[in-house]
């Protein structure tokens, strides 16, 4: 029974670990891009090595062509003078020719491979750039989604799912503004009343003076 329980717990742990890995899309995507990049670097390195081998083979083929021409010329010159040496020159010419022909065949195969690998590298690089752009796009969308989710959770934790907190805030501001207006308005009314009283007194004094003048 204990063995079965341990197996069950182990399988559950493995499953949970698998679920966490699956849910961690960003890490998996980054690992995929990393593998892509490593494969591209490896392919480019091998392509460069192939190109160097082709350069070496081309140089060797050119050297063999020069040898073939030289042995042929020597064979012609020695023919009738030193038959054994002339025949040896012919033998070496044929050996160099066979080696060059085999090398040219290998060079043709390497060129075909180089062309195919170059196309493959370009194709993989295109896929890599597309995945990289997709990765950046998904990162931006993920960040936006997480920000909205965090804002929603913050609002929920503050119990501001409705507009109550903002209405209370606005009401408090309005109350302060009204109190300020009332205070300013009261001060202005007192000054207005005082000035009007003085102006009225002056008008009355002027009218009284007019009456006295009329009576005299």
N, C-alpha and C. Protein backbone atom coordinates (compact mmCIF):
# COMPACT_ATOMS: atom_id res chain seq x y z
N UNK A 1 0.83 -1.20 0.00
CA UNK A 1 0.00 0.00 0.00
C UNK A 1 0.86 1.25 0.00
N UNK A 2 1.90 1.23 0.84
CA UNK A 2 2.80 2.37 0.91
C UNK A 2 3.52 2.58 -0.42
N UNK A 3 3.89 1.46 -1.05
CA UNK A 3 4.56 1.56 -2.34
C UNK A 3 3.64 2.20 -3.37
N UNK A 4 2.39 1.79 -3.38
CA UNK A 4 1.43 2.37 -4.31
C UNK A 4 1.25 3.85 -4.02
N UNK A 5 1.21 4.21 -2.73
CA UNK A 5 1.04 5.62 -2.35
C UNK A 5 2.25 6.43 -2.82
N UNK A 6 3.44 5.86 -2.63
CA UNK A 6 4.64 6.58 -3.06
C UNK A 6 4.64 6.78 -4.57
N UNK A 7 4.25 5.73 -5.29
CA UNK A 7 4.18 5.84 -6.75
C UNK A 7 3.17 6.91 -7.15
N UNK A 8 2.03 6.92 -6.45
CA UNK A 8 0.99 7.90 -6.75
C UNK A 8 1.49 9.32 -6.49
N UNK A 9 2.16 9.51 -5.36
CA UNK A 9 2.70 10.83 -5.04
C UNK A 9 3.77 11.25 -6.04
N UNK A 10 4.59 10.29 -6.45
CA UNK A 10 5.64 10.60 -7.43
C UNK A 10 5.04 11.01 -8.76
N UNK A 11 4.03 10.25 -9.20
CA UNK A 11 3.37 10.58 -10.46
C UNK A 11 2.68 11.94 -10.38
N UNK A 12 2.07 12.21 -9.23
CA UNK A 12 1.40 13.50 -9.06
C UNK A 12 2.41 14.64 -9.10
N UNK A 13 3.54 14.44 -8.44
CA UNK A 13 4.59 15.46 -8.44
C UNK A 13 5.12 15.69 -9.84
N UNK A 14 5.32 14.59 -10.58
CA UNK A 14 5.80 14.72 -11.95
C UNK A 14 4.78 15.43 -12.82
N UNK A 15 3.49 15.11 -12.60
CA UNK A 15 2.45 15.77 -13.38
C UNK A 15 2.38 17.26 -13.07
N UNK A 16 2.46 17.60 -11.78
CA UNK A 16 2.44 19.01 -11.39
C UNK A 16 3.63 19.76 -11.97
N UNK A 17 4.78 19.08 -11.96
CA UNK A 17 5.97 19.70 -12.54
C UNK A 17 5.77 19.92 -14.04
N UNK A 18 5.15 18.94 -14.69
CA UNK A 18 4.89 19.06 -16.13
C UNK A 18 3.92 20.22 -16.41
N UNK A 19 2.88 20.32 -15.55
CA UNK A 19 1.91 21.41 -15.72
C UNK A 19 2.58 22.76 -15.56
N UNK A 20 3.46 22.86 -14.55
CA UNK A 20 4.17 24.13 -14.35
C UNK A 20 5.04 24.46 -15.55
N UNK A 21 5.67 23.46 -16.11
CA UNK A 21 6.50 23.69 -17.29
C UNK A 21 5.65 24.15 -18.47
N UNK A 22 4.49 23.52 -18.62
CA UNK A 22 3.62 23.89 -19.72
C UNK A 22 3.08 25.31 -19.53
N UNK A 23 2.75 25.67 -18.28
CA UNK A 23 2.21 26.98 -18.01
C UNK A 23 3.25 28.07 -18.17
N UNK A 24 4.51 27.72 -17.99
CA UNK A 24 5.57 28.72 -18.09
C UNK A 24 5.94 28.90 -19.56
N UNK A 25 5.02 29.47 -20.31
CA UNK A 25 5.20 29.60 -21.75
C UNK A 25 6.41 30.47 -22.09
N UNK A 26 6.61 31.52 -21.31
CA UNK A 26 7.71 32.43 -21.62
C UNK A 26 9.05 31.72 -21.56
N UNK A 27 9.25 30.91 -20.51
CA UNK A 27 10.52 30.19 -20.36
C UNK A 27 10.70 29.18 -21.50
N UNK A 28 9.61 28.50 -21.87
CA UNK A 28 9.70 27.52 -22.96
C UNK A 28 10.01 28.23 -24.28
N UNK A 29 9.37 29.38 -24.50
CA UNK A 29 9.62 30.13 -25.73
C UNK A 29 11.06 30.61 -25.80
N UNK A 30 11.58 31.10 -24.67
CA UNK A 30 12.98 31.55 -24.63
C UNK A 30 13.94 30.40 -24.87
N UNK A 31 13.62 29.23 -24.31
CA UNK A 31 14.46 28.05 -24.53
C UNK A 31 14.43 27.64 -26.00
N UNK A 32 13.24 27.75 -26.62
CA UNK A 32 13.12 27.41 -28.04
C UNK A 32 13.96 28.36 -28.90
N UNK A 33 13.88 29.65 -28.59
CA UNK A 33 14.68 30.63 -29.32
C UNK A 33 16.18 30.38 -29.12
N UNK A 34 16.54 30.01 -27.91
CA UNK A 34 17.94 29.73 -27.62
C UNK A 34 18.43 28.53 -28.43
N UNK A 35 17.60 27.48 -28.51
CA UNK A 35 17.96 26.31 -29.32
C UNK A 35 18.07 26.68 -30.80
N UNK A 36 17.12 27.50 -31.27
CA UNK A 36 17.17 27.95 -32.66
C UNK A 36 18.47 28.68 -32.94
N UNK A 37 18.81 29.60 -32.03
CA UNK A 37 20.02 30.41 -32.22
C UNK A 37 21.26 29.53 -32.21
N UNK A 38 21.30 28.55 -31.31
CA UNK A 38 22.45 27.63 -31.23
C UNK A 38 22.57 26.81 -32.52
N UNK A 39 21.43 26.34 -33.02
CA UNK A 39 21.44 25.56 -34.26
C UNK A 39 21.92 26.40 -35.45
N UNK A 40 21.49 27.66 -35.48
CA UNK A 40 21.93 28.55 -36.56
C UNK A 40 23.44 28.76 -36.50
N UNK A 41 23.97 29.00 -35.29
CA UNK A 41 25.41 29.20 -35.14
C UNK A 41 26.19 27.95 -35.56
N UNK A 42 25.68 26.77 -35.17
CA UNK A 42 26.34 25.52 -35.55
C UNK A 42 26.32 25.33 -37.06
N UNK A 43 25.15 25.59 -37.67
CA UNK A 43 25.04 25.44 -39.13
C UNK A 43 25.97 26.41 -39.85
N UNK A 44 26.05 27.65 -39.37
CA UNK A 44 26.94 28.63 -40.00
C UNK A 44 28.40 28.23 -39.85
N UNK A 45 28.74 27.67 -38.69
CA UNK A 45 30.13 27.23 -38.47
C UNK A 45 30.48 26.10 -39.44
N UNK A 46 29.59 25.13 -39.56
CA UNK A 46 29.84 24.00 -40.46
C UNK A 46 29.85 24.46 -41.92
N UNK A 47 29.02 25.43 -42.23
CA UNK A 47 29.02 25.96 -43.60
C UNK A 47 30.34 26.65 -43.89
N UNK A 48 30.85 27.39 -42.92
CA UNK A 48 32.14 28.05 -43.11
C UNK A 48 33.27 27.03 -43.26
N UNK A 49 33.23 25.96 -42.48
CA UNK A 49 34.24 24.91 -42.61
C UNK A 49 34.17 24.25 -43.98
N UNK A 50 32.95 24.05 -44.48
CA UNK A 50 32.77 23.47 -45.81
C UNK A 50 33.34 24.40 -46.88
N UNK A 51 33.09 25.69 -46.72
CA UNK A 51 33.62 26.66 -47.69
C UNK A 51 35.14 26.67 -47.68
N UNK A 52 35.73 26.56 -46.50
CA UNK A 52 37.20 26.50 -46.43
C UNK A 52 37.73 25.22 -47.08
N UNK A 53 37.02 24.11 -46.86
CA UNK A 53 37.43 22.85 -47.51
C UNK A 53 37.34 22.97 -49.03
N UNK A 54 36.31 23.67 -49.50
CA UNK A 54 36.17 23.88 -50.94
C UNK A 54 37.32 24.74 -51.47
N UNK A 55 37.69 25.77 -50.73
CA UNK A 55 38.80 26.62 -51.15
C UNK A 55 40.10 25.80 -51.25
N UNK A 56 40.32 24.95 -50.23
CA UNK A 56 41.52 24.10 -50.25
C UNK A 56 41.48 23.13 -51.42
N UNK A 57 40.30 22.55 -51.66
CA UNK A 57 40.16 21.60 -52.77
C UNK A 57 40.37 22.30 -54.11
N UNK A 58 39.86 23.52 -54.25
CA UNK A 58 40.07 24.26 -55.50
C UNK A 58 41.55 24.54 -55.74
N UNK A 59 42.23 24.91 -54.65
CA UNK A 59 43.68 25.16 -54.78
C UNK A 59 44.42 23.89 -55.17
N UNK A 60 44.03 22.76 -54.57
CA UNK A 60 44.67 21.49 -54.89
C UNK A 60 44.37 21.09 -56.33
N UNK A 61 43.15 21.31 -56.79
CA UNK A 61 42.80 20.98 -58.17
C UNK A 61 43.60 21.82 -59.16
N UNK A 62 43.79 23.10 -58.83
CA UNK A 62 44.60 23.97 -59.70
C UNK A 62 46.05 23.49 -59.74
N UNK A 63 46.55 23.06 -58.57
CA UNK A 63 47.92 22.56 -58.51
C UNK A 63 48.06 21.28 -59.33
N UNK A 64 47.10 20.39 -59.25
CA UNK A 64 47.13 19.14 -60.02
C UNK A 64 47.05 19.42 -61.52
N UNK A 65 46.24 20.39 -61.91
CA UNK A 65 46.16 20.75 -63.33
C UNK A 65 47.52 21.23 -63.84
N UNK A 66 48.22 22.00 -62.99
CA UNK A 66 49.56 22.46 -63.37
C UNK A 66 50.52 21.28 -63.47
N UNK A 67 50.40 20.32 -62.54
CA UNK A 67 51.25 19.12 -62.58
C UNK A 67 50.98 18.31 -63.84
N UNK A 68 49.72 18.15 -64.18
CA UNK A 68 49.36 17.38 -65.38
C UNK A 68 49.99 18.01 -66.61
N UNK A 69 49.88 19.33 -66.70
CA UNK A 69 50.45 20.03 -67.85
C UNK A 69 51.98 19.86 -67.88
N UNK A 70 52.60 19.93 -66.72
CA UNK A 70 54.06 19.81 -66.66
C UNK A 70 54.53 18.41 -67.03
N UNK A 71 53.85 17.36 -66.48
CA UNK A 71 54.24 15.98 -66.81
C UNK A 71 54.00 15.67 -68.29
N UNK A 72 52.95 16.22 -68.84
CA UNK A 72 52.69 15.99 -70.27
C UNK A 72 53.82 16.62 -71.11
N UNK A 73 54.20 17.83 -70.75
CA UNK A 73 55.26 18.50 -71.49
C UNK A 73 56.59 17.75 -71.37
N UNK A 74 56.86 17.24 -70.18
CA UNK A 74 58.11 16.48 -69.98
C UNK A 74 58.09 15.17 -70.78
N UNK A 75 56.92 14.52 -70.77
CA UNK A 75 56.82 13.26 -71.52
C UNK A 75 57.09 13.49 -73.00
N UNK A 76 56.54 14.58 -73.53
CA UNK A 76 56.76 14.90 -74.95
C UNK A 76 58.23 15.19 -75.22
N UNK A 77 58.87 15.92 -74.32
CA UNK A 77 60.28 16.28 -74.51
C UNK A 77 61.20 15.06 -74.42
N UNK A 78 60.88 14.13 -73.49
CA UNK A 78 61.74 12.96 -73.28
C UNK A 78 61.47 11.83 -74.27
N UNK A 79 60.36 11.88 -74.96
CA UNK A 79 60.01 10.81 -75.90
C UNK A 79 61.06 10.79 -77.03
N UNK A 80 61.69 9.66 -77.23
CA UNK A 80 62.74 9.48 -78.22
C UNK A 80 64.13 9.72 -77.66
N UNK A 81 64.21 10.34 -76.47
CA UNK A 81 65.51 10.57 -75.84
C UNK A 81 65.72 9.59 -74.67
N UNK A 82 64.70 9.53 -73.82
CA UNK A 82 64.79 8.64 -72.65
C UNK A 82 63.40 8.04 -72.46
N UNK A 83 63.23 6.88 -73.13
CA UNK A 83 61.90 6.26 -73.13
C UNK A 83 61.39 5.93 -71.72
N UNK A 84 62.19 5.33 -70.82
CA UNK A 84 61.69 5.02 -69.48
C UNK A 84 61.22 6.27 -68.73
N UNK A 85 62.01 7.36 -68.82
CA UNK A 85 61.60 8.60 -68.14
C UNK A 85 60.32 9.18 -68.76
N UNK A 86 60.23 9.08 -70.07
CA UNK A 86 59.03 9.58 -70.74
C UNK A 86 57.79 8.81 -70.28
N UNK A 87 57.94 7.48 -70.15
CA UNK A 87 56.82 6.65 -69.69
C UNK A 87 56.46 6.97 -68.23
N UNK A 88 57.48 7.24 -67.42
CA UNK A 88 57.21 7.61 -66.01
C UNK A 88 56.48 8.94 -65.93
N UNK A 89 56.85 9.85 -66.81
CA UNK A 89 56.15 11.13 -66.85
C UNK A 89 54.68 10.93 -67.23
N UNK A 90 54.45 10.02 -68.18
CA UNK A 90 53.07 9.73 -68.58
C UNK A 90 52.30 9.11 -67.41
N UNK A 91 52.96 8.18 -66.71
CA UNK A 91 52.29 7.53 -65.57
C UNK A 91 51.91 8.56 -64.51
N UNK A 92 52.83 9.49 -64.21
CA UNK A 92 52.55 10.51 -63.20
C UNK A 92 51.47 11.48 -63.69
N UNK A 93 51.48 11.72 -64.98
CA UNK A 93 50.43 12.58 -65.54
C UNK A 93 49.05 11.93 -65.35
N UNK A 94 48.97 10.63 -65.61
CA UNK A 94 47.70 9.91 -65.46
C UNK A 94 47.26 9.87 -64.00
N UNK A 95 48.24 9.68 -63.08
CA UNK A 95 47.91 9.65 -61.64
C UNK A 95 47.36 11.00 -61.20
N UNK A 96 48.04 12.07 -61.63
CA UNK A 96 47.57 13.42 -61.28
C UNK A 96 46.21 13.70 -61.90
N UNK A 97 45.99 13.21 -63.12
CA UNK A 97 44.70 13.43 -63.77
C UNK A 97 43.58 12.72 -63.02
N UNK A 98 43.84 11.47 -62.61
CA UNK A 98 42.82 10.71 -61.87
C UNK A 98 42.50 11.40 -60.54
N UNK A 99 43.55 11.87 -59.85
CA UNK A 99 43.34 12.56 -58.56
C UNK A 99 42.55 13.85 -58.77
N UNK A 100 42.89 14.60 -59.81
CA UNK A 100 42.19 15.86 -60.08
C UNK A 100 40.72 15.61 -60.42
N UNK A 101 40.48 14.58 -61.27
CA UNK A 101 39.10 14.29 -61.65
C UNK A 101 38.26 13.89 -60.44
N UNK A 102 38.84 13.08 -59.55
CA UNK A 102 38.13 12.69 -58.34
C UNK A 102 37.89 13.90 -57.45
N UNK A 103 38.87 14.78 -57.38
CA UNK A 103 38.74 15.98 -56.55
C UNK A 103 37.69 16.92 -57.10
N UNK A 104 37.65 17.07 -58.42
CA UNK A 104 36.64 17.92 -59.04
C UNK A 104 35.23 17.39 -58.78
N UNK A 105 35.10 16.06 -58.77
CA UNK A 105 33.81 15.45 -58.45
C UNK A 105 33.41 15.77 -57.01
N UNK A 106 34.38 15.67 -56.10
CA UNK A 106 34.10 16.00 -54.70
C UNK A 106 33.75 17.48 -54.54
N UNK A 107 34.46 18.33 -55.28
CA UNK A 107 34.17 19.77 -55.21
C UNK A 107 32.75 20.06 -55.68
N UNK A 108 32.33 19.38 -56.75
CA UNK A 108 30.96 19.57 -57.25
C UNK A 108 29.94 19.16 -56.19
N UNK A 109 30.21 18.03 -55.51
CA UNK A 109 29.31 17.58 -54.44
C UNK A 109 29.29 18.58 -53.29
N UNK A 110 30.49 19.10 -52.95
CA UNK A 110 30.55 20.07 -51.85
C UNK A 110 29.82 21.36 -52.20
N UNK A 111 29.91 21.76 -53.48
CA UNK A 111 29.21 22.97 -53.89
C UNK A 111 27.70 22.78 -53.81
N UNK A 112 27.23 21.60 -54.20
CA UNK A 112 25.80 21.32 -54.10
C UNK A 112 25.36 21.34 -52.63
N UNK A 113 26.19 20.73 -51.78
CA UNK A 113 25.89 20.73 -50.34
C UNK A 113 25.91 22.15 -49.78
N UNK A 114 26.92 22.93 -50.19
CA UNK A 114 27.05 24.31 -49.72
C UNK A 114 25.83 25.14 -50.12
N UNK A 115 25.35 24.94 -51.34
CA UNK A 115 24.17 25.66 -51.80
C UNK A 115 22.94 25.28 -51.00
N UNK A 116 22.78 23.97 -50.72
CA UNK A 116 21.63 23.50 -49.96
C UNK A 116 21.69 23.99 -48.51
N UNK A 117 22.87 23.91 -47.91
CA UNK A 117 23.02 24.35 -46.52
C UNK A 117 22.79 25.85 -46.40
N UNK A 118 23.25 26.62 -47.39
CA UNK A 118 23.03 28.07 -47.37
C UNK A 118 21.55 28.39 -47.40
N UNK A 119 20.80 27.67 -48.25
CA UNK A 119 19.35 27.88 -48.30
C UNK A 119 18.70 27.49 -46.98
N UNK A 120 19.16 26.38 -46.40
CA UNK A 120 18.60 25.94 -45.12
C UNK A 120 18.87 26.96 -44.02
N UNK A 121 20.09 27.50 -44.01
CA UNK A 121 20.44 28.49 -42.98
C UNK A 121 19.58 29.74 -43.14
N UNK A 122 19.39 30.19 -44.38
CA UNK A 122 18.53 31.36 -44.62
C UNK A 122 17.10 31.09 -44.18
N UNK A 123 16.62 29.88 -44.44
CA UNK A 123 15.27 29.51 -44.05
C UNK A 123 15.13 29.48 -42.53
N UNK A 124 16.11 28.89 -41.86
CA UNK A 124 16.07 28.81 -40.40
C UNK A 124 16.18 30.20 -39.78
N UNK A 125 17.04 31.05 -40.36
CA UNK A 125 17.17 32.42 -39.85
C UNK A 125 15.86 33.18 -40.00
N UNK A 126 15.17 32.96 -41.12
CA UNK A 126 13.86 33.59 -41.30
C UNK A 126 12.87 33.13 -40.26
N UNK A 127 12.86 31.81 -39.99
CA UNK A 127 11.98 31.28 -38.96
C UNK A 127 12.34 31.85 -37.59
N UNK A 128 13.64 31.96 -37.35
CA UNK A 128 14.09 32.48 -36.06
C UNK A 128 13.63 33.93 -35.87
N UNK A 129 13.79 34.75 -36.91
CA UNK A 129 13.36 36.15 -36.81
C UNK A 129 11.86 36.24 -36.60
N UNK A 130 11.10 35.38 -37.29
CA UNK A 130 9.64 35.38 -37.13
C UNK A 130 9.26 34.99 -35.70
N UNK A 131 9.93 33.95 -35.17
CA UNK A 131 9.65 33.53 -33.80
C UNK A 131 10.07 34.60 -32.80
N UNK A 132 11.18 35.27 -33.09
CA UNK A 132 11.64 36.33 -32.19
C UNK A 132 10.63 37.48 -32.13
N UNK A 133 10.12 37.87 -33.30
CA UNK A 133 9.10 38.92 -33.33
C UNK A 133 7.82 38.46 -32.62
N UNK A 134 7.44 37.21 -32.83
CA UNK A 134 6.27 36.66 -32.16
C UNK A 134 6.48 36.65 -30.65
N UNK A 135 7.70 36.31 -30.24
CA UNK A 135 8.03 36.29 -28.82
C UNK A 135 7.88 37.68 -28.21
N UNK A 136 8.39 38.70 -28.89
CA UNK A 136 8.28 40.07 -28.39
C UNK A 136 6.83 40.51 -28.33
N UNK A 137 6.05 40.14 -29.35
CA UNK A 137 4.64 40.51 -29.37
C UNK A 137 3.89 39.87 -28.21
N UNK A 138 4.14 38.58 -27.99
CA UNK A 138 3.46 37.87 -26.90
C UNK A 138 3.90 38.39 -25.54
N UNK A 139 5.18 38.78 -25.41
CA UNK A 139 5.65 39.37 -24.17
C UNK A 139 4.90 40.66 -23.87
N UNK A 140 4.71 41.49 -24.88
CA UNK A 140 3.98 42.75 -24.70
C UNK A 140 2.54 42.48 -24.30
N UNK A 141 1.91 41.52 -24.99
CA UNK A 141 0.53 41.19 -24.65
C UNK A 141 0.42 40.59 -23.26
N UNK A 142 1.41 39.75 -22.90
CA UNK A 142 1.41 39.16 -21.58
C UNK A 142 1.56 40.23 -20.50
N UNK A 143 2.47 41.18 -20.71
CA UNK A 143 2.68 42.26 -19.74
C UNK A 143 1.42 43.09 -19.59
N UNK A 144 0.76 43.38 -20.72
CA UNK A 144 -0.49 44.15 -20.67
C UNK A 144 -1.57 43.39 -19.91
N UNK A 145 -1.68 42.09 -20.21
CA UNK A 145 -2.69 41.27 -19.53
C UNK A 145 -2.42 41.20 -18.03
N UNK A 146 -1.15 41.05 -17.66
CA UNK A 146 -0.80 40.97 -16.24
C UNK A 146 -1.07 42.30 -15.54
N UNK A 147 -0.81 43.41 -16.25
CA UNK A 147 -1.06 44.72 -15.66
C UNK A 147 -2.55 44.92 -15.41
N UNK A 148 -3.38 44.53 -16.40
CA UNK A 148 -4.84 44.66 -16.23
C UNK A 148 -5.33 43.74 -15.11
N UNK A 149 -4.76 42.52 -15.07
CA UNK A 149 -5.16 41.59 -14.01
C UNK A 149 -4.77 42.14 -12.65
N UNK A 150 -3.55 42.71 -12.55
CA UNK A 150 -3.11 43.28 -11.27
C UNK A 150 -3.99 44.44 -10.85
N UNK A 151 -4.40 45.29 -11.81
CA UNK A 151 -5.27 46.41 -11.49
C UNK A 151 -6.63 45.91 -11.02
N UNK A 152 -7.13 44.87 -11.68
CA UNK A 152 -8.42 44.31 -11.28
C UNK A 152 -8.35 43.72 -9.88
N UNK A 153 -7.26 42.99 -9.60
CA UNK A 153 -7.10 42.39 -8.28
C UNK A 153 -6.93 43.46 -7.21
N UNK A 154 -6.21 44.54 -7.53
CA UNK A 154 -6.03 45.63 -6.57
C UNK A 154 -7.37 46.29 -6.28
N UNK A 155 -8.17 46.49 -7.32
CA UNK A 155 -9.48 47.10 -7.12
C UNK A 155 -10.36 46.21 -6.26
N UNK A 156 -10.27 44.91 -6.50
CA UNK A 156 -11.08 43.97 -5.72
C UNK A 156 -10.64 43.97 -4.26
N UNK A 157 -9.33 43.98 -4.02
CA UNK A 157 -8.83 43.94 -2.65
C UNK A 157 -9.18 45.21 -1.90
N UNK A 158 -9.34 46.33 -2.63
CA UNK A 158 -9.70 47.60 -1.99
C UNK A 158 -11.20 47.79 -1.93
N UNK A 159 -11.94 46.82 -2.44
CA UNK A 159 -13.39 46.88 -2.46
C UNK A 159 -13.87 48.12 -3.20
N UNK A 160 -13.29 48.35 -4.36
CA UNK A 160 -13.70 49.49 -5.17
C UNK A 160 -14.24 48.99 -6.52
N UNK A 161 -14.93 47.86 -6.44
CA UNK A 161 -15.50 47.34 -7.67
C UNK A 161 -16.56 48.29 -8.21
N UNK A 162 -17.21 49.05 -7.28
CA UNK A 162 -18.17 50.06 -7.68
C UNK A 162 -17.54 51.43 -7.57
N UNK A 163 -18.29 52.49 -7.90
CA UNK A 163 -17.73 53.85 -7.90
C UNK A 163 -17.78 54.53 -6.53
N UNK A 164 -18.10 53.77 -5.44
CA UNK A 164 -18.31 54.42 -4.15
C UNK A 164 -17.10 55.22 -3.69
N UNK A 165 -15.90 54.61 -3.81
CA UNK A 165 -14.72 55.29 -3.29
C UNK A 165 -14.46 56.58 -4.03
N UNK A 166 -14.72 56.60 -5.35
CA UNK A 166 -14.50 57.81 -6.14
C UNK A 166 -15.58 58.85 -5.86
N UNK A 167 -16.83 58.37 -5.65
CA UNK A 167 -17.91 59.30 -5.32
C UNK A 167 -17.66 59.97 -3.97
N UNK A 168 -17.18 59.17 -3.00
CA UNK A 168 -16.86 59.74 -1.69
C UNK A 168 -15.73 60.75 -1.79
N UNK A 169 -14.76 60.42 -2.60
CA UNK A 169 -13.62 61.32 -2.79
C UNK A 169 -14.09 62.64 -3.42
N UNK A 170 -14.92 62.52 -4.46
CA UNK A 170 -15.41 63.71 -5.13
C UNK A 170 -16.28 64.54 -4.20
N UNK A 171 -17.13 63.87 -3.39
CA UNK A 171 -17.98 64.59 -2.45
C UNK A 171 -17.15 65.37 -1.43
N UNK A 172 -16.06 64.76 -0.98
CA UNK A 172 -15.19 65.43 -0.03
C UNK A 172 -14.55 66.68 -0.65
N UNK A 173 -14.12 66.54 -1.93
CA UNK A 173 -13.52 67.69 -2.62
C UNK A 173 -14.54 68.80 -2.82
N UNK A 174 -15.76 68.42 -3.22
CA UNK A 174 -16.82 69.41 -3.43
C UNK A 174 -17.14 70.14 -2.13
N UNK A 175 -17.17 69.37 -1.03
CA UNK A 175 -17.45 69.99 0.27
C UNK A 175 -16.38 71.02 0.62
N UNK A 176 -15.13 70.65 0.40
CA UNK A 176 -14.04 71.59 0.68
C UNK A 176 -14.13 72.82 -0.21
N UNK A 177 -14.48 72.61 -1.49
CA UNK A 177 -14.60 73.74 -2.40
C UNK A 177 -15.74 74.67 -1.97
N UNK A 178 -16.87 74.09 -1.58
CA UNK A 178 -18.02 74.89 -1.14
C UNK A 178 -17.68 75.68 0.11
N UNK A 179 -16.99 75.01 1.06
CA UNK A 179 -16.60 75.71 2.28
C UNK A 179 -15.68 76.88 1.97
N UNK A 180 -14.74 76.68 1.02
CA UNK A 180 -13.85 77.76 0.64
C UNK A 180 -14.60 78.90 -0.02
N UNK A 181 -15.60 78.56 -0.87
CA UNK A 181 -16.39 79.59 -1.52
C UNK A 181 -17.23 80.37 -0.53
N UNK A 182 -17.78 79.64 0.44
CA UNK A 182 -18.58 80.31 1.46
C UNK A 182 -17.75 81.28 2.28
N UNK A 183 -16.56 80.84 2.65
CA UNK A 183 -15.67 81.71 3.42
C UNK A 183 -15.31 82.96 2.62
N UNK A 184 -14.96 82.76 1.37
CA UNK A 184 -14.59 83.89 0.52
C UNK A 184 -15.78 84.78 0.26
N UNK A 185 -16.94 84.13 0.05
CA UNK A 185 -18.15 84.89 -0.21
C UNK A 185 -18.55 85.71 0.99
N UNK A 186 -18.43 85.21 2.23
CA UNK A 186 -18.78 85.93 3.46
C UNK A 186 -17.91 87.16 3.62
N UNK A 187 -16.61 86.97 3.39
CA UNK A 187 -15.69 88.11 3.51
C UNK A 187 -16.05 89.18 2.49
N UNK A 188 -16.39 88.79 1.31
CA UNK A 188 -16.75 89.75 0.27
C UNK A 188 -18.05 90.48 0.62
N UNK A 189 -19.04 89.75 1.18
CA UNK A 189 -20.32 90.36 1.55
C UNK A 189 -20.14 91.40 2.65
N UNK A 190 -19.35 91.13 3.64
CA UNK A 190 -19.10 92.08 4.73
C UNK A 190 -18.47 93.36 4.21
N UNK A 191 -17.47 93.19 3.32
CA UNK A 191 -16.83 94.36 2.74
C UNK A 191 -17.81 95.15 1.89
N UNK A 192 -18.64 94.45 1.13
CA UNK A 192 -19.64 95.10 0.29
C UNK A 192 -20.62 95.90 1.14
N UNK A 193 -21.05 95.29 2.23
CA UNK A 193 -22.01 95.97 3.11
C UNK A 193 -21.40 97.21 3.74
N UNK A 194 -20.17 97.10 4.16
CA UNK A 194 -19.51 98.24 4.80
C UNK A 194 -19.34 99.40 3.82
N UNK A 195 -18.88 99.07 2.61
CA UNK A 195 -18.70 100.11 1.61
C UNK A 195 -20.02 100.76 1.21
N UNK A 196 -21.06 99.91 1.05
CA UNK A 196 -22.37 100.45 0.71
C UNK A 196 -22.89 101.38 1.81
N UNK A 197 -22.62 101.00 3.05
CA UNK A 197 -23.07 101.83 4.17
C UNK A 197 -22.38 103.19 4.14
N UNK A 198 -21.07 103.19 3.87
CA UNK A 198 -20.34 104.45 3.78
C UNK A 198 -20.82 105.29 2.61
N UNK A 199 -21.04 104.61 1.45
CA UNK A 199 -21.52 105.34 0.28
C UNK A 199 -22.91 105.93 0.53
N UNK A 200 -23.75 105.16 1.21
CA UNK A 200 -25.09 105.65 1.52
C UNK A 200 -25.04 106.85 2.46
N UNK A 201 -24.10 106.78 3.43
CA UNK A 201 -23.96 107.92 4.35
C UNK A 201 -23.50 109.17 3.63
N UNK A 202 -22.57 108.97 2.67
CA UNK A 202 -22.10 110.12 1.89
C UNK A 202 -23.24 110.71 1.05
N UNK A 203 -24.05 109.84 0.47
CA UNK A 203 -25.18 110.31 -0.33
C UNK A 203 -26.16 111.10 0.53
N UNK A 204 -26.42 110.57 1.73
CA UNK A 204 -27.34 111.26 2.65
C UNK A 204 -26.78 112.61 3.07
N UNK A 205 -25.47 112.66 3.34
CA UNK A 205 -24.83 113.93 3.73
C UNK A 205 -24.94 114.94 2.59
N UNK A 206 -24.72 114.46 1.36
CA UNK A 206 -24.80 115.35 0.20
C UNK A 206 -26.22 115.88 0.02
N UNK A 207 -27.19 114.99 0.23
CA UNK A 207 -28.59 115.40 0.08
C UNK A 207 -28.98 116.39 1.17
N UNK A 208 -28.48 116.18 2.40
CA UNK A 208 -28.75 117.10 3.50
C UNK A 208 -28.18 118.48 3.21
N UNK A 209 -26.97 118.46 2.66
CA UNK A 209 -26.34 119.74 2.32
C UNK A 209 -27.14 120.49 1.28
N UNK A 210 -27.71 119.75 0.35
CA UNK A 210 -28.54 120.35 -0.70
C UNK A 210 -29.78 120.96 -0.10
N UNK A 211 -30.39 120.26 0.84
CA UNK A 211 -31.61 120.78 1.50
C UNK A 211 -31.31 122.07 2.27
N UNK A 212 -30.19 122.11 2.95
CA UNK A 212 -29.83 123.31 3.73
C UNK A 212 -29.62 124.49 2.79
N UNK A 213 -29.04 124.23 1.66
CA UNK A 213 -28.80 125.30 0.68
C UNK A 213 -30.11 125.84 0.15
N UNK A 214 -31.06 124.97 -0.06
CA UNK A 214 -32.37 125.38 -0.60
C UNK A 214 -33.15 126.22 0.39
N UNK A 215 -33.02 125.91 1.69
CA UNK A 215 -33.75 126.61 2.70
C UNK A 215 -33.16 127.98 2.96
N UNK A 216 -31.93 128.19 2.74
CA UNK A 216 -31.30 129.47 2.96
C UNK A 216 -31.68 130.41 1.82
